[in-house]
Amino acid sequence: MRTLWWITVILFMLSLLVWITPARPATAHDGAWMDKYWYWSEEDGIRRQCCGPRDCIPVRARLVAQSRDRVTVEINGVILTMSPKSIHQSEELSDYACFILRDGQHVVEQGLVRCLFLTPGS
């Protein structure tokens, strides 16, 4: 009887833990908020979705300069220029970048960043 009581207590604690654990931050690979954003491909001028499977990750980013047709940003210490149509406001408290993966890796390099999601003030 005592064993049954401990099993019940443990199961109750586990269910409480699962119930009160906050949800993971949204990332595009699990179909979250970033999936609704688009950009215009500079290569062929076609409107494409910003995010693909597992290609959007948290980054340190900031806006450096902006003109009508180009935006200069810094992503993880690397300076890049992007189309303003590829930059969106983040819906979280983190900046995110969506990459064209190179050999399965997220490489911060000109032409490999599809979209950038900046938090206000970045």
C-alpha atoms as a PDB file:
ATOM      1  CA  MET A   1       0.000   0.000   0.000  1.00  0.00           C
ATOM      2  CA  ARG A   2       2.842   2.350   0.857  1.00  0.00           C
ATOM      3  CA  THR A   3       4.468   1.699  -2.543  1.00  0.00           C
ATOM      4  CA  LEU A   4       1.236   2.589  -4.317  1.00  0.00           C
ATOM      5  CA  TRP A   5       1.114   5.859  -2.381  1.00  0.00           C
ATOM      6  CA  TRP A   6       4.686   6.777  -3.490  1.00  0.00           C
ATOM      7  CA  ILE A   7       3.942   5.895  -7.103  1.00  0.00           C
ATOM      8  CA  THR A   8       0.866   8.129  -6.984  1.00  0.00           C
ATOM      9  CA  VAL A   9       2.875  10.993  -5.483  1.00  0.00           C
ATOM     10  CA  ILE A  10       5.631  10.653  -8.082  1.00  0.00           C
ATOM     11  CA  LEU A  11       3.154  10.542 -10.963  1.00  0.00           C
ATOM     12  CA  PHE A  12       1.346  13.579  -9.582  1.00  0.00           C
ATOM     13  CA  MET A  13       4.641  15.512  -9.313  1.00  0.00           C
ATOM     14  CA  LEU A  14       5.639  14.566 -12.853  1.00  0.00           C
ATOM     15  CA  SER A  15       2.277  15.632 -14.252  1.00  0.00           C
ATOM     16  CA  LEU A  16       2.570  18.939 -12.361  1.00  0.00           C
ATOM     17  CA  LEU A  17       6.049  19.474 -13.779  1.00  0.00           C
ATOM     18  CA  VAL A  18       4.832  18.882 -17.329  1.00  0.00           C
ATOM     19  CA  TRP A  19       1.840  21.143 -16.812  1.00  0.00           C
ATOM     20  CA  ILE A  20       3.771  24.140 -15.416  1.00  0.00           C
ATOM     21  CA  THR A  21       6.867  23.926 -17.661  1.00  0.00           C
ATOM     22  CA  PRO A  22       6.839  26.878 -20.075  1.00  0.00           C
ATOM     23  CA  ALA A  23       6.664  26.119 -23.770  1.00  0.00           C
ATOM     24  CA  ARG A  24       9.892  26.086 -25.738  1.00  0.00           C
ATOM     25  CA  PRO A  25      10.705  29.237 -27.680  1.00  0.00           C
ATOM     26  CA  ALA A  26       9.165  29.239 -31.120  1.00  0.00           C
ATOM     27  CA  THR A  27      11.435  28.135 -33.914  1.00  0.00           C
ATOM     28  CA  ALA A  28      10.550  27.569 -37.497  1.00  0.00           C
ATOM     29  CA  HIS A  29      11.446  23.873 -37.447  1.00  0.00           C
ATOM     30  CA  ASP A  30       8.431  23.137 -35.283  1.00  0.00           C
ATOM     31  CA  GLY A  31       5.960  25.201 -37.311  1.00  0.00           C
ATOM     32  CA  ALA A  32       5.829  28.338 -35.185  1.00  0.00           C
ATOM     33  CA  TRP A  33       5.373  32.069 -35.777  1.00  0.00           C
ATOM     34  CA  MET A  34       8.273  32.578 -38.229  1.00  0.00           C
ATOM     35  CA  ASP A  35       6.662  30.351 -40.824  1.00  0.00           C
ATOM     36  CA  LYS A  36       4.255  33.111 -41.873  1.00  0.00           C
ATOM     37  CA  TYR A  37       7.009  35.465 -43.110  1.00  0.00           C
ATOM     38  CA  TRP A  38       8.264  35.802 -46.686  1.00  0.00           C
ATOM     39  CA  TYR A  39      11.094  37.496 -48.556  1.00  0.00           C
ATOM     40  CA  TRP A  40      11.842  38.314 -52.190  1.00  0.00           C
ATOM     41  CA  SER A  41      14.681  36.200 -53.530  1.00  0.00           C
ATOM     42  CA  GLU A  42      17.424  38.440 -54.927  1.00  0.00           C
ATOM     43  CA  GLU A  43      18.498  35.706 -57.349  1.00  0.00           C
ATOM     44  CA  ASP A  44      15.235  35.206 -59.228  1.00  0.00           C
ATOM     45  CA  GLY A  45      12.815  37.800 -57.791  1.00  0.00           C
ATOM     46  CA  ILE A  46      10.407  35.123 -56.548  1.00  0.00           C
ATOM     47  CA  ARG A  47       8.602  35.467 -53.224  1.00  0.00           C
ATOM     48  CA  ARG A  48       9.776  32.676 -50.918  1.00  0.00           C
ATOM     49  CA  GLN A  49       9.130  31.604 -47.351  1.00  0.00           C
ATOM     50  CA  CYS A  50      11.810  32.824 -44.894  1.00  0.00           C
ATOM     51  CA  CYS A  51      12.150  29.619 -42.949  1.00  0.00           C
ATOM     52  CA  GLY A  52      12.799  26.041 -43.845  1.00  0.00           C
ATOM     53  CA  PRO A  53      13.290  22.978 -41.668  1.00  0.00           C
ATOM     54  CA  ARG A  54      15.767  23.747 -38.864  1.00  0.00           C
ATOM     55  CA  ASP A  55      17.319  26.766 -40.563  1.00  0.00           C
ATOM     56  CA  CYS A  56      16.231  29.581 -38.182  1.00  0.00           C
ATOM     57  CA  ILE A  57      18.301  29.991 -35.046  1.00  0.00           C
ATOM     58  CA  PRO A  58      18.782  32.614 -32.315  1.00  0.00           C
ATOM     59  CA  VAL A  59      21.574  35.100 -33.097  1.00  0.00           C
ATOM     60  CA  ARG A  60      23.044  38.333 -31.757  1.00  0.00           C
ATOM     61  CA  ALA A  61      22.031  40.923 -34.324  1.00  0.00           C
ATOM     62  CA  ARG A  62      21.792  44.660 -34.736  1.00  0.00           C
ATOM     63  CA  LEU A  63      20.867  47.153 -37.415  1.00  0.00           C
ATOM     64  CA  VAL A  64      23.941  49.120 -38.536  1.00  0.00           C
ATOM     65  CA  ALA A  65      22.640  51.294 -41.394  1.00  0.00           C
ATOM     66  CA  GLN A  66      19.616  51.520 -43.620  1.00  0.00           C
ATOM     67  CA  SER A  67      18.884  52.953 -47.045  1.00  0.00           C
ATOM     68  CA  ARG A  68      15.854  52.604 -49.273  1.00  0.00           C
ATOM     69  CA  ASP A  69      16.983  49.415 -50.981  1.00  0.00           C
ATOM     70  CA  ARG A  70      19.696  47.954 -48.673  1.00  0.00           C
ATOM     71  CA  VAL A  71      20.087  47.369 -44.943  1.00  0.00           C
ATOM     72  CA  THR A  72      23.426  46.765 -43.261  1.00  0.00           C
ATOM     73  CA  VAL A  73      23.238  44.453 -40.264  1.00  0.00           C
ATOM     74  CA  GLU A  74      25.647  42.762 -37.915  1.00  0.00           C
ATOM     75  CA  ILE A  75      24.931  39.107 -37.142  1.00  0.00           C
ATOM     76  CA  ASN A  76      27.155  37.406 -34.561  1.00  0.00           C
ATOM     77  CA  GLY A  77      29.881  39.976 -35.301  1.00  0.00           C
ATOM     78  CA  VAL A  78      29.717  39.670 -39.108  1.00  0.00           C
ATOM     79  CA  ILE A  79      28.600  42.707 -41.174  1.00  0.00           C
ATOM     80  CA  LEU A  80      26.204  41.900 -44.052  1.00  0.00           C
ATOM     81  CA  THR A  81      23.887  43.790 -46.374  1.00  0.00           C
ATOM     82  CA  MET A  82      20.352  42.583 -46.979  1.00  0.00           C
ATOM     83  CA  SER A  83      17.161  43.643 -48.673  1.00  0.00           C
ATOM     84  CA  PRO A  84      14.789  45.476 -46.309  1.00  0.00           C
ATOM     85  CA  LYS A  85      12.129  42.964 -47.373  1.00  0.00           C
ATOM     86  CA  SER A  86      14.150  40.244 -45.612  1.00  0.00           C
ATOM     87  CA  ILE A  87      14.068  41.932 -42.212  1.00  0.00           C
ATOM     88  CA  HIS A  88      11.113  41.500 -39.883  1.00  0.00           C
ATOM     89  CA  GLN A  89      10.279  42.248 -36.267  1.00  0.00           C
ATOM     90  CA  SER A  90      10.819  39.314 -33.932  1.00  0.00           C
ATOM     91  CA  GLU A  91       7.774  38.130 -32.023  1.00  0.00           C
ATOM     92  CA  GLU A  92      10.019  37.005 -29.168  1.00  0.00           C
ATOM     93  CA  LEU A  93      12.661  38.626 -27.004  1.00  0.00           C
ATOM     94  CA  SER A  94      15.443  37.142 -29.159  1.00  0.00           C
ATOM     95  CA  ASP A  95      16.831  37.943 -32.587  1.00  0.00           C
ATOM     96  CA  TYR A  96      16.672  35.105 -35.131  1.00  0.00           C
ATOM     97  CA  ALA A  97      18.270  34.514 -38.519  1.00  0.00           C
ATOM     98  CA  CYS A  98      17.092  32.049 -41.174  1.00  0.00           C
ATOM     99  CA  PHE A  99      19.914  30.570 -43.208  1.00  0.00           C
ATOM    100  CA  ILE A 100      20.503  28.836 -46.476  1.00  0.00           C
ATOM    101  CA  LEU A 101      22.378  25.912 -44.950  1.00  0.00           C
ATOM    102  CA  ARG A 102      25.851  25.070 -46.217  1.00  0.00           C
ATOM    103  CA  ASP A 103      26.711  21.417 -45.595  1.00  0.00           C
ATOM    104  CA  GLY A 104      24.058  21.385 -42.865  1.00  0.00           C
ATOM    105  CA  GLN A 105      25.712  24.314 -41.047  1.00  0.00           C
ATOM    106  CA  HIS A 106      24.430  27.817 -40.223  1.00  0.00           C
ATOM    107  CA  VAL A 107      27.109  30.060 -41.776  1.00  0.00           C
ATOM    108  CA  VAL A 108      26.889  33.842 -41.323  1.00  0.00           C
ATOM    109  CA  GLU A 109      28.017  34.952 -44.768  1.00  0.00           C
ATOM    110  CA  GLN A 110      26.749  37.300 -47.463  1.00  0.00           C
ATOM    111  CA  GLY A 111      24.004  35.593 -49.465  1.00  0.00           C
ATOM    112  CA  LEU A 112      23.402  32.794 -46.946  1.00  0.00           C
ATOM    113  CA  VAL A 113      21.024  34.666 -44.610  1.00  0.00           C
ATOM    114  CA  ARG A 114      17.465  34.599 -45.957  1.00  0.00           C
ATOM    115  CA  CYS A 115      15.669  36.552 -43.251  1.00  0.00           C
ATOM    116  CA  LEU A 116      16.470  38.334 -40.050  1.00  0.00           C
ATOM    117  CA  PHE A 117      14.030  38.810 -37.175  1.00  0.00           C
ATOM    118  CA  LEU A 118      15.080  41.708 -34.932  1.00  0.00           C
ATOM    119  CA  THR A 119      13.765  42.613 -31.525  1.00  0.00           C
ATOM    120  CA  PRO A 120      12.808  46.280 -31.114  1.00  0.00           C
ATOM    121  CA  GLY A 121      15.930  48.296 -30.320  1.00  0.00           C
ATOM    122  CA  SER A 122      18.360  45.893 -32.004  1.00  0.00           C
END
